[in-house]
Amino acid sequence: MSEFSFSQQQFTDLVRFTLEEAQRQGATACDVDASEGFGQNVSVRLGEVETIEYNRDKGVGVTVYLGQRKGHASTSDFSRQALTDSVSAALAIARYTAEDEFAGLADPALFATSFPDFDLYHPWALPVEAAIELAKECEAAGQAVDERISNSEGGSVSTSASRWVYANSLGFIGHGDSTRHSISAALIAEDASGMQRDYWYTSARAQGDLDGAAAVGRRAGERAVRRLGARRIKTGDYPVLFEAPVAGSLISHWVSAISGSSLYRKSSFLLDSLGQQVFSPIVQIVEDPFLLRGQASGAFDAEGVATTRRDLVSAGVLNGYFLSSYSARKLGMATTANAGGPHNLLVQATASFEQLLQQLGTGLLVTELLGHGINMVTGDYSRGAAGFWVENGVIQYAVEEITIAGNLRDIFKGIVGIGDDIVPGSSKRVGSILIDKLTVAGE
């Protein structure tokens, strides 16, 4: 990959010009973000190159305020004339927009004033020929796992980098560079019982933190083979262990439920839950924006507000929401520096995966979820699933064509174990999660 087309100084000059232009055209307040990104993605299938993709994009977004009226426009043209036109377009929108008493920039007293280096930028000088060889190595390692691996959806290697600047008319300006790289494979196994597919991946800010291509391929192959012979199980209420790659979805539902837009729209099953017991007492969740090489690390949020480390859940009790300045004003609260979403979420482990299997005893291990049967207003939860039947802590056989159901309130309070088998490369660092009981619909 080549380097960025624009320096941080050029970006800084660009956003300052846009802010000055907004003021000149009559905006009472303004914020601007400029970004550039580029990347390369290579995929192979059955040893042959499937795709080679290069991408490079850039853009400027400008948000202007006329009192309590707000307008937004964006452009991929960095010329002075295009920036001037974008400001004009945003102001034209603002003039026709209804006043919103909660609209406006963040409180300048909350802006970040220190900008530590979180070690997020690690460019990977990977020639396309080398990327192809890595993808082939990954796929081949998976195919070699077992003769029953009959087909492949391929191996892929991707690498990307981004640069951005955010500034507003209250004097804040911040910037950053970051990278993200990944290797993955998806394989298909087949025997008399039918075909099964599974995958594995590794993702990191720095190439040196990735698992080896061959190791990723082998894991994908092993996961595909172990699903052969899958069958349905009898309908009933069973303890359910969500494997780490799918356990993160439970945390995502919690994030959605306590995010500002869901709360002020009253479309959340966790309304007015601050200070309440939301999870079982074993659950501890920390938001840490300051992790080195973290996927969601940063000294400030999308409005320039300084981030802080927070104990969000202590012994199952909810201590805070995810709020931007706007949603906080709507709720009569203070921003939590979460404009743009949560930062790195760390869910404290209570056991190893093997210990969780023993704790599960007899029940269901879920490794794949299908569909989106979640009602965020009521918390009702119903999803298709696949995985493994476990007896006396030992995996017995693969399971498919089942549905698991419950209510997220009960699911959260029914957490009885959390694994230390965290999959690196996610902004939600959580291992497998064991639930005391869910309804499983099968035969």
Protein backbone atom coordinates (compact mmCIF):
# COMPACT_ATOMS: atom_id res chain seq x y z
CA MET A 1 0.00 0.00 0.00
CA SER A 2 1.10 3.55 -0.65
CA GLU A 3 1.11 6.28 1.95
CA PHE A 4 -1.54 8.91 2.64
CA SER A 5 -2.13 11.57 0.00
CA PHE A 6 -2.56 14.33 2.59
CA SER A 7 -0.47 15.24 5.62
CA GLN A 8 -2.01 15.99 8.99
CA GLN A 9 -1.02 19.64 8.45
CA GLN A 10 -2.91 19.75 5.14
CA PHE A 11 -5.94 18.26 6.88
CA THR A 12 -5.63 20.82 9.68
CA ASP A 13 -5.43 23.69 7.18
CA LEU A 14 -8.45 22.29 5.34
CA VAL A 15 -10.72 22.08 8.40
CA ARG A 16 -9.63 25.53 9.63
CA PHE A 17 -10.49 27.04 6.26
CA THR A 18 -13.92 25.36 6.41
CA LEU A 19 -14.58 26.65 9.93
CA GLU A 20 -13.62 30.18 8.89
CA GLU A 21 -15.82 29.91 5.80
CA ALA A 22 -18.78 28.80 7.93
CA GLN A 23 -18.31 31.79 10.21
CA ARG A 24 -17.98 34.13 7.18
CA GLN A 25 -21.25 32.80 5.74
CA GLY A 26 -23.11 33.41 8.98
CA ALA A 27 -23.06 30.13 10.91
CA THR A 28 -23.29 30.61 14.68
CA ALA A 29 -21.37 27.38 15.26
CA CYS A 30 -19.73 24.66 13.16
CA ASP A 31 -17.81 21.43 13.32
CA VAL A 32 -15.82 19.73 10.57
CA ASP A 33 -14.29 16.30 10.11
CA ALA A 34 -11.94 15.30 7.32
CA SER A 35 -10.69 11.80 6.66
CA GLU A 36 -8.75 9.68 4.23
CA GLY A 37 -8.50 5.91 4.04
CA PHE A 38 -6.92 3.30 1.82
CA GLY A 39 -6.59 -0.45 1.82
CA GLN A 40 -5.96 -3.68 -0.01
CA ASN A 41 -7.97 -6.89 0.13
CA VAL A 42 -6.94 -10.15 -1.51
CA SER A 43 -8.98 -13.35 -1.56
CA VAL A 44 -8.24 -16.78 -3.01
CA ARG A 45 -10.43 -19.84 -3.44
CA LEU A 46 -9.20 -23.38 -4.10
CA GLY A 47 -5.70 -22.03 -4.63
CA GLU A 48 -6.70 -19.50 -7.28
CA VAL A 49 -6.94 -15.73 -6.93
CA GLU A 50 -10.57 -14.65 -6.61
CA THR A 51 -10.32 -10.92 -6.00
CA ILE A 52 -7.72 -8.21 -5.64
CA GLU A 53 -9.21 -4.97 -4.38
CA TYR A 54 -7.61 -1.61 -3.73
CA ASN A 55 -9.61 1.20 -2.21
CA ARG A 56 -8.84 4.81 -1.48
CA ASP A 57 -11.39 7.34 -0.35
CA LYS A 58 -11.53 10.73 1.29
CA GLY A 59 -14.18 13.10 2.51
CA VAL A 60 -15.06 16.22 4.46
CA GLY A 61 -18.22 16.54 6.52
CA VAL A 62 -19.40 19.94 7.74
CA THR A 63 -22.17 20.55 10.29
CA VAL A 64 -23.37 24.11 10.78
CA TYR A 65 -25.76 25.72 13.26
CA LEU A 66 -27.95 28.77 12.89
CA GLY A 67 -28.94 29.14 16.51
CA GLN A 68 -30.77 25.88 17.21
CA ARG A 69 -31.16 24.94 13.55
CA LYS A 70 -28.74 22.38 12.17
CA GLY A 71 -27.59 21.44 8.67
CA HIS A 72 -25.01 18.98 7.37
CA ALA A 73 -23.27 18.49 4.02
CA SER A 74 -20.28 16.51 2.81
CA THR A 75 -17.93 16.35 -0.14
CA SER A 76 -15.07 14.25 -1.45
CA ASP A 77 -13.62 17.28 -3.25
CA PHE A 78 -10.99 19.05 -1.13
CA SER A 79 -10.77 22.20 -3.28
CA ARG A 80 -11.51 25.55 -1.63
CA GLN A 81 -14.52 26.08 -3.91
CA ALA A 82 -16.00 22.67 -3.01
CA LEU A 83 -15.56 23.36 0.70
CA THR A 84 -17.20 26.78 0.31
CA ASP A 85 -20.09 25.18 -1.59
CA SER A 86 -20.49 22.50 1.10
CA VAL A 87 -20.78 25.16 3.80
CA SER A 88 -23.41 26.94 1.69
CA ALA A 89 -25.34 23.69 1.23
CA ALA A 90 -25.26 22.93 4.96
CA LEU A 91 -26.50 26.45 5.77
CA ALA A 92 -29.30 26.14 3.20
CA ILE A 93 -30.43 22.94 4.94
CA ALA A 94 -30.20 24.56 8.38
CA ARG A 95 -32.47 27.44 7.27
CA TYR A 96 -35.26 24.97 6.46
CA THR A 97 -34.76 22.78 9.52
CA ALA A 98 -36.95 23.08 12.59
CA GLU A 99 -35.33 24.45 15.73
CA ASP A 100 -34.13 21.84 18.19
CA GLU A 101 -33.45 23.15 21.68
CA PHE A 102 -30.97 20.30 22.31
CA ALA A 103 -28.86 20.86 19.18
CA GLY A 104 -25.35 22.28 19.43
CA LEU A 105 -21.68 21.56 20.02
CA ALA A 106 -20.36 19.92 23.17
CA ASP A 107 -19.50 21.94 26.27
CA PRO A 108 -15.96 23.30 25.70
CA ALA A 109 -15.13 22.70 29.36
CA LEU A 110 -15.30 18.98 28.56
CA PHE A 111 -12.94 18.98 25.57
CA ALA A 112 -9.84 16.79 25.68
CA THR A 113 -6.63 18.69 26.43
CA SER A 114 -4.11 15.83 26.38
CA PHE A 115 -3.59 13.48 23.46
CA PRO A 116 -1.60 10.34 24.36
CA ASP A 117 -0.35 7.98 21.68
CA PHE A 118 -2.32 4.73 21.88
CA ASP A 119 -0.09 2.99 19.33
CA LEU A 120 -2.87 2.57 16.75
CA TYR A 121 -0.86 3.11 13.57
CA HIS A 122 1.15 0.19 12.19
CA PRO A 123 1.25 0.24 8.38
CA TRP A 124 1.88 -3.15 6.79
CA ALA A 125 3.94 -2.88 3.61
CA LEU A 126 2.41 -5.98 2.05
CA PRO A 127 2.92 -6.43 -1.72
CA VAL A 128 -0.06 -7.99 -3.41
CA GLU A 129 2.04 -11.07 -4.35
CA ALA A 130 2.86 -11.65 -0.68
CA ALA A 131 -0.79 -11.15 0.29
CA ILE A 132 -1.84 -13.78 -2.25
CA GLU A 133 0.68 -16.26 -0.84
CA LEU A 134 -0.55 -15.63 2.71
CA ALA A 135 -4.17 -16.16 1.67
CA LYS A 136 -3.20 -19.38 -0.14
CA GLU A 137 -1.25 -20.58 2.89
CA CYS A 138 -4.25 -19.91 5.13
CA GLU A 139 -6.70 -21.78 2.88
CA ALA A 140 -4.32 -24.69 2.22
CA ALA A 141 -3.72 -25.22 5.95
CA GLY A 142 -7.47 -25.51 6.44
CA GLN A 143 -7.91 -27.91 3.54
CA ALA A 144 -5.16 -30.13 4.92
CA VAL A 145 -6.93 -30.62 8.26
CA ASP A 146 -9.16 -33.47 7.09
CA GLU A 147 -9.98 -35.29 3.85
CA ARG A 148 -13.64 -34.50 4.47
CA ILE A 149 -13.00 -30.83 3.71
CA SER A 150 -14.41 -30.90 0.19
CA ASN A 151 -14.70 -27.25 -0.70
CA SER A 152 -13.77 -23.76 0.33
CA GLU A 153 -15.17 -20.27 0.42
CA GLY A 154 -11.59 -19.08 0.39
CA GLY A 155 -8.87 -17.37 2.35
CA SER A 156 -8.45 -13.62 2.54
CA VAL A 157 -5.92 -11.05 3.71
CA SER A 158 -6.79 -7.40 4.17
CA THR A 159 -4.89 -4.36 5.35
CA SER A 160 -6.11 -0.79 5.73
CA ALA A 161 -5.13 2.61 7.11
CA SER A 162 -7.02 5.79 7.92
CA ARG A 163 -6.19 9.39 8.83
CA TRP A 164 -8.65 11.96 10.17
CA VAL A 165 -9.03 15.38 11.79
CA TYR A 166 -11.96 16.77 13.79
CA ALA A 167 -12.32 20.44 14.68
CA ASN A 168 -15.07 22.81 15.80
CA SER A 169 -15.69 26.54 16.14
CA LEU A 170 -15.21 26.45 19.91
CA GLY A 171 -11.49 25.90 19.39
CA PHE A 172 -11.12 22.13 19.62
CA ILE A 173 -8.98 20.27 17.12
CA GLY A 174 -7.82 16.66 17.27
CA HIS A 175 -6.48 14.13 14.83
CA GLY A 176 -5.29 10.55 14.48
CA ASP A 177 -3.91 7.80 12.27
CA SER A 178 -4.84 4.13 12.58
CA THR A 179 -4.47 0.78 10.85
CA ARG A 180 -6.33 -2.52 10.87
CA HIS A 181 -5.28 -5.83 9.34
CA SER A 182 -6.91 -9.26 9.15
CA ILE A 183 -6.54 -12.82 7.86
CA SER A 184 -9.50 -15.20 7.52
CA ALA A 185 -10.66 -18.45 5.97
CA ALA A 186 -14.01 -20.22 5.50
CA LEU A 187 -14.12 -23.94 4.67
CA ILE A 188 -16.73 -26.55 3.84
CA ALA A 189 -16.66 -30.13 5.14
CA GLU A 190 -18.79 -32.96 3.75
CA ASP A 191 -19.68 -36.54 4.62
CA ALA A 192 -22.73 -38.79 4.36
CA SER A 193 -24.64 -36.56 6.78
CA GLY A 194 -24.30 -33.52 4.52
CA MET A 195 -22.20 -30.37 4.24
CA GLN A 196 -21.15 -27.96 6.96
CA ARG A 197 -19.35 -24.60 6.81
CA ASP A 198 -17.34 -22.70 9.38
CA TYR A 199 -14.67 -20.01 9.48
CA TRP A 200 -12.00 -18.36 11.60
CA TYR A 201 -10.15 -15.06 11.51
CA THR A 202 -7.55 -12.91 13.20
CA SER A 203 -7.64 -9.11 13.34
CA ALA A 204 -5.30 -6.52 14.86
CA ARG A 205 -3.92 -3.00 14.60
CA ALA A 206 -0.41 -4.34 13.99
CA GLN A 207 0.64 -7.16 11.66
CA GLY A 208 2.82 -8.63 14.41
CA ASP A 209 -0.24 -9.16 16.62
CA LEU A 210 -2.02 -11.34 14.05
CA ASP A 211 -2.14 -15.11 14.40
CA GLY A 212 -0.22 -16.94 11.69
CA ALA A 213 -2.04 -17.60 8.43
CA ALA A 214 -1.64 -21.37 8.74
CA ALA A 215 -2.98 -21.34 12.31
CA VAL A 216 -6.06 -19.40 11.20
CA GLY A 217 -6.69 -21.84 8.34
CA ARG A 218 -6.30 -24.90 10.56
CA ARG A 219 -8.76 -23.46 13.09
CA ALA A 220 -11.30 -22.81 10.33
CA GLY A 221 -10.86 -26.36 9.00
CA GLU A 222 -11.21 -27.93 12.43
CA ARG A 223 -14.34 -25.91 13.13
CA ALA A 224 -15.94 -27.01 9.84
CA VAL A 225 -15.16 -30.70 10.38
CA ARG A 226 -16.46 -30.80 13.95
CA ARG A 227 -19.89 -29.67 12.74
CA LEU A 228 -20.40 -32.78 10.58
CA GLY A 229 -23.21 -35.08 11.64
CA ALA A 230 -25.24 -32.23 13.12
CA ARG A 231 -28.75 -33.07 14.30
CA ARG A 232 -31.64 -31.50 16.17
CA ILE A 233 -32.27 -31.92 19.88
CA LYS A 234 -35.47 -32.25 21.86
CA THR A 235 -37.31 -29.07 22.75
CA GLY A 236 -36.75 -28.02 26.35
CA ASP A 237 -35.20 -25.56 28.78
CA TYR A 238 -31.43 -26.00 29.02
CA PRO A 239 -28.37 -24.12 30.22
CA VAL A 240 -26.72 -22.47 27.22
CA LEU A 241 -23.07 -21.55 26.70
CA PHE A 242 -22.48 -18.85 24.07
CA GLU A 243 -19.04 -19.34 22.52
CA ALA A 244 -16.85 -16.22 22.61
CA PRO A 245 -17.33 -15.18 18.93
CA VAL A 246 -21.11 -15.02 19.42
CA ALA A 247 -21.16 -13.96 23.10
CA GLY A 248 -20.21 -10.46 21.99
CA SER A 249 -23.69 -10.11 20.45
CA LEU A 250 -25.22 -10.21 23.94
CA ILE A 251 -23.00 -7.31 24.98
CA SER A 252 -23.98 -5.47 21.79
CA HIS A 253 -27.68 -5.78 22.73
CA TRP A 254 -26.89 -4.30 26.14
CA VAL A 255 -24.97 -1.43 24.51
CA SER A 256 -27.95 -0.66 22.25
CA ALA A 257 -30.35 -0.74 25.18
CA ILE A 258 -28.41 1.83 27.23
CA SER A 259 -27.41 4.12 24.37
CA GLY A 260 -28.86 7.63 24.36
CA SER A 261 -31.02 7.41 21.25
CA SER A 262 -32.78 4.28 22.54
CA LEU A 263 -33.33 5.88 25.93
CA TYR A 264 -34.75 9.22 24.83
CA ARG A 265 -36.97 7.50 22.28
CA LYS A 266 -38.13 5.15 25.06
CA SER A 267 -37.41 2.19 22.79
CA SER A 268 -35.33 0.19 25.28
CA PHE A 269 -36.09 -2.60 27.72
CA LEU A 270 -33.55 -1.01 30.08
CA LEU A 271 -35.24 2.39 30.55
CA ASP A 272 -34.48 4.03 33.92
CA SER A 273 -32.05 1.24 34.79
CA LEU A 274 -29.24 3.40 36.19
CA GLY A 275 -28.22 2.08 39.60
CA GLN A 276 -30.31 -1.05 39.07
CA GLN A 277 -29.30 -4.72 39.01
CA VAL A 278 -29.18 -5.39 35.26
CA PHE A 279 -26.81 -8.39 35.16
CA SER A 280 -26.10 -11.20 37.58
CA PRO A 281 -23.75 -10.20 40.43
CA ILE A 282 -20.75 -11.90 38.78
CA VAL A 283 -20.72 -9.41 35.87
CA GLN A 284 -18.13 -6.62 35.85
CA ILE A 285 -17.77 -4.44 32.72
CA VAL A 286 -15.21 -1.68 32.26
CA GLU A 287 -15.03 0.86 29.44
CA ASP A 288 -11.35 1.62 28.78
CA PRO A 289 -10.61 4.13 25.97
CA PHE A 290 -6.89 4.04 26.76
CA LEU A 291 -5.90 0.50 25.72
CA LEU A 292 -2.76 0.41 23.62
CA ARG A 293 -3.61 -0.87 20.12
CA GLY A 294 -7.27 -1.07 21.13
CA GLN A 295 -9.90 -1.21 18.41
CA ALA A 296 -11.90 1.63 20.02
CA SER A 297 -9.20 3.60 21.84
CA GLY A 298 -9.08 7.38 21.81
CA ALA A 299 -8.53 10.42 24.00
CA PHE A 300 -11.80 12.02 22.85
CA ASP A 301 -15.09 11.12 21.23
CA ALA A 302 -16.60 12.30 17.93
CA GLU A 303 -17.41 15.69 19.51
CA GLY A 304 -14.00 16.29 21.08
CA VAL A 305 -15.13 15.40 24.62
CA ALA A 306 -12.37 13.85 26.74
CA THR A 307 -12.86 10.13 27.33
CA THR A 308 -12.54 8.48 30.74
CA ARG A 309 -12.16 4.95 32.04
CA ARG A 310 -15.46 3.87 33.62
CA ASP A 311 -16.67 0.94 35.72
CA LEU A 312 -19.92 0.59 33.80
CA VAL A 313 -21.20 -2.52 35.53
CA SER A 314 -20.15 -3.45 39.07
CA ALA A 315 -21.47 -6.68 40.58
CA GLY A 316 -24.22 -6.59 37.97
CA VAL A 317 -25.33 -3.03 38.79
CA LEU A 318 -25.46 -0.50 35.93
CA ASN A 319 -23.42 2.61 36.72
CA GLY A 320 -23.67 4.56 33.46
CA TYR A 321 -25.18 4.99 30.00
CA PHE A 322 -23.62 5.71 26.58
CA LEU A 323 -24.50 9.35 25.83
CA SER A 324 -23.49 12.03 23.34
CA SER A 325 -24.03 15.71 24.11
CA TYR A 326 -27.32 15.67 22.22
CA SER A 327 -28.79 12.58 23.87
CA ALA A 328 -27.55 13.75 27.27
CA ARG A 329 -29.37 17.09 26.87
CA LYS A 330 -32.53 15.26 25.80
CA LEU A 331 -32.32 13.17 28.98
CA GLY A 332 -31.30 16.01 31.28
CA MET A 333 -27.95 14.36 31.94
CA ALA A 334 -24.25 14.91 31.12
CA THR A 335 -22.46 13.46 28.08
CA THR A 336 -20.43 10.31 28.76
CA ALA A 337 -18.04 11.00 25.83
CA ASN A 338 -19.71 8.34 23.71
CA ALA A 339 -20.59 10.35 20.60
CA GLY A 340 -19.58 7.81 17.96
CA GLY A 341 -20.24 4.81 20.20
CA PRO A 342 -18.65 2.96 23.13
CA HIS A 343 -14.93 2.59 23.61
CA ASN A 344 -13.20 -0.69 24.46
CA LEU A 345 -15.48 -2.79 26.67
CA LEU A 346 -13.76 -5.30 28.97
CA VAL A 347 -15.92 -8.02 30.51
CA GLN A 348 -14.19 -9.67 33.47
CA ALA A 349 -13.75 -13.44 33.19
CA THR A 350 -14.70 -15.89 35.94
CA ALA A 351 -13.40 -19.15 34.46
CA SER A 352 -11.68 -20.86 31.54
CA PHE A 353 -13.70 -22.25 28.63
CA GLU A 354 -13.06 -25.81 29.88
CA GLN A 355 -14.34 -24.86 33.33
CA LEU A 356 -17.46 -23.34 31.77
CA LEU A 357 -18.14 -26.62 29.94
CA GLN A 358 -17.93 -28.44 33.28
CA GLN A 359 -20.18 -25.81 34.86
CA LEU A 360 -22.64 -26.21 31.96
CA GLY A 361 -22.81 -29.96 32.64
CA THR A 362 -25.56 -31.04 30.26
CA GLY A 363 -26.88 -28.45 27.84
CA LEU A 364 -26.17 -26.51 24.67
CA LEU A 365 -22.99 -24.86 23.38
CA VAL A 366 -23.95 -22.22 20.77
CA THR A 367 -21.31 -21.41 18.13
CA GLU A 368 -23.49 -19.72 15.49
CA LEU A 369 -26.53 -17.44 15.63
CA LEU A 370 -28.95 -16.86 12.75
CA GLY A 371 -31.64 -14.24 12.18
CA HIS A 372 -32.41 -11.10 14.16
CA GLY A 373 -35.42 -11.92 16.34
CA ILE A 374 -34.76 -9.33 19.04
CA ASN A 375 -37.32 -6.80 20.30
CA MET A 376 -35.29 -4.03 21.95
CA VAL A 377 -38.44 -2.48 23.47
CA THR A 378 -39.49 -5.59 25.40
CA GLY A 379 -36.20 -7.52 25.48
CA ASP A 380 -37.79 -10.58 23.86
CA TYR A 381 -35.07 -12.70 22.27
CA SER A 382 -35.43 -15.47 19.69
CA ARG A 383 -32.74 -16.56 17.25
CA GLY A 384 -31.87 -19.54 15.12
CA ALA A 385 -28.76 -21.31 16.38
CA ALA A 386 -26.25 -24.07 15.76
CA GLY A 387 -23.60 -25.58 18.00
CA PHE A 388 -23.02 -28.70 20.10
CA TRP A 389 -24.82 -30.83 22.64
CA VAL A 390 -22.83 -31.26 25.84
CA GLU A 391 -23.22 -33.97 28.49
CA ASN A 392 -21.35 -34.02 31.80
CA GLY A 393 -19.11 -31.23 30.53
CA VAL A 394 -18.07 -33.12 27.39
CA ILE A 395 -19.08 -32.15 23.84
CA GLN A 396 -21.08 -35.04 22.33
CA TYR A 397 -22.26 -34.07 18.85
CA ALA A 398 -23.07 -31.12 16.60
CA VAL A 399 -26.52 -29.52 16.69
CA GLU A 400 -28.38 -27.53 14.00
CA GLU A 401 -31.85 -26.29 13.03
CA ILE A 402 -32.82 -25.11 16.51
CA THR A 403 -34.08 -21.85 17.98
CA ILE A 404 -33.11 -20.38 21.34
CA ALA A 405 -35.49 -17.99 23.09
CA GLY A 406 -35.87 -15.96 26.25
CA ASN A 407 -35.91 -12.35 27.42
CA LEU A 408 -32.72 -10.31 27.58
CA ARG A 409 -33.57 -9.12 31.10
CA ASP A 410 -33.59 -12.73 32.28
CA ILE A 411 -30.62 -13.69 30.09
CA PHE A 412 -28.44 -10.92 31.57
CA LYS A 413 -29.44 -11.81 35.13
CA GLY A 414 -29.00 -15.50 34.34
CA ILE A 415 -25.27 -15.23 33.51
CA VAL A 416 -23.48 -17.76 35.71
CA GLY A 417 -20.03 -17.81 34.08
CA ILE A 418 -17.79 -15.77 31.76
CA GLY A 419 -14.80 -17.28 29.96
CA ASP A 420 -11.26 -15.99 29.56
CA ASP A 421 -11.22 -17.19 25.92
CA ILE A 422 -11.42 -13.67 24.47
CA VAL A 423 -11.07 -13.36 20.70
CA PRO A 424 -8.53 -10.57 20.13
CA GLY A 425 -9.23 -7.77 17.67
CA SER A 426 -12.67 -6.74 18.92
CA SER A 427 -13.73 -3.60 20.74
CA LYS A 428 -15.85 -5.83 22.99
CA ARG A 429 -13.42 -8.04 24.88
CA VAL A 430 -15.59 -10.83 26.21
CA GLY A 431 -15.11 -14.58 26.42
CA SER A 432 -17.77 -17.27 26.30
CA ILE A 433 -20.91 -16.56 28.37
CA LEU A 434 -22.85 -19.25 30.26
CA ILE A 435 -26.59 -18.66 30.83
CA ASP A 436 -28.44 -20.69 33.46
CA LYS A 437 -31.47 -21.43 31.25
CA LEU A 438 -32.95 -20.70 27.84
CA THR A 439 -35.81 -22.29 25.94
CA VAL A 440 -34.50 -24.38 23.05
CA ALA A 441 -36.93 -25.32 20.27
CA GLY A 442 -35.89 -28.43 18.35
CA GLU A 443 -37.80 -31.63 17.77
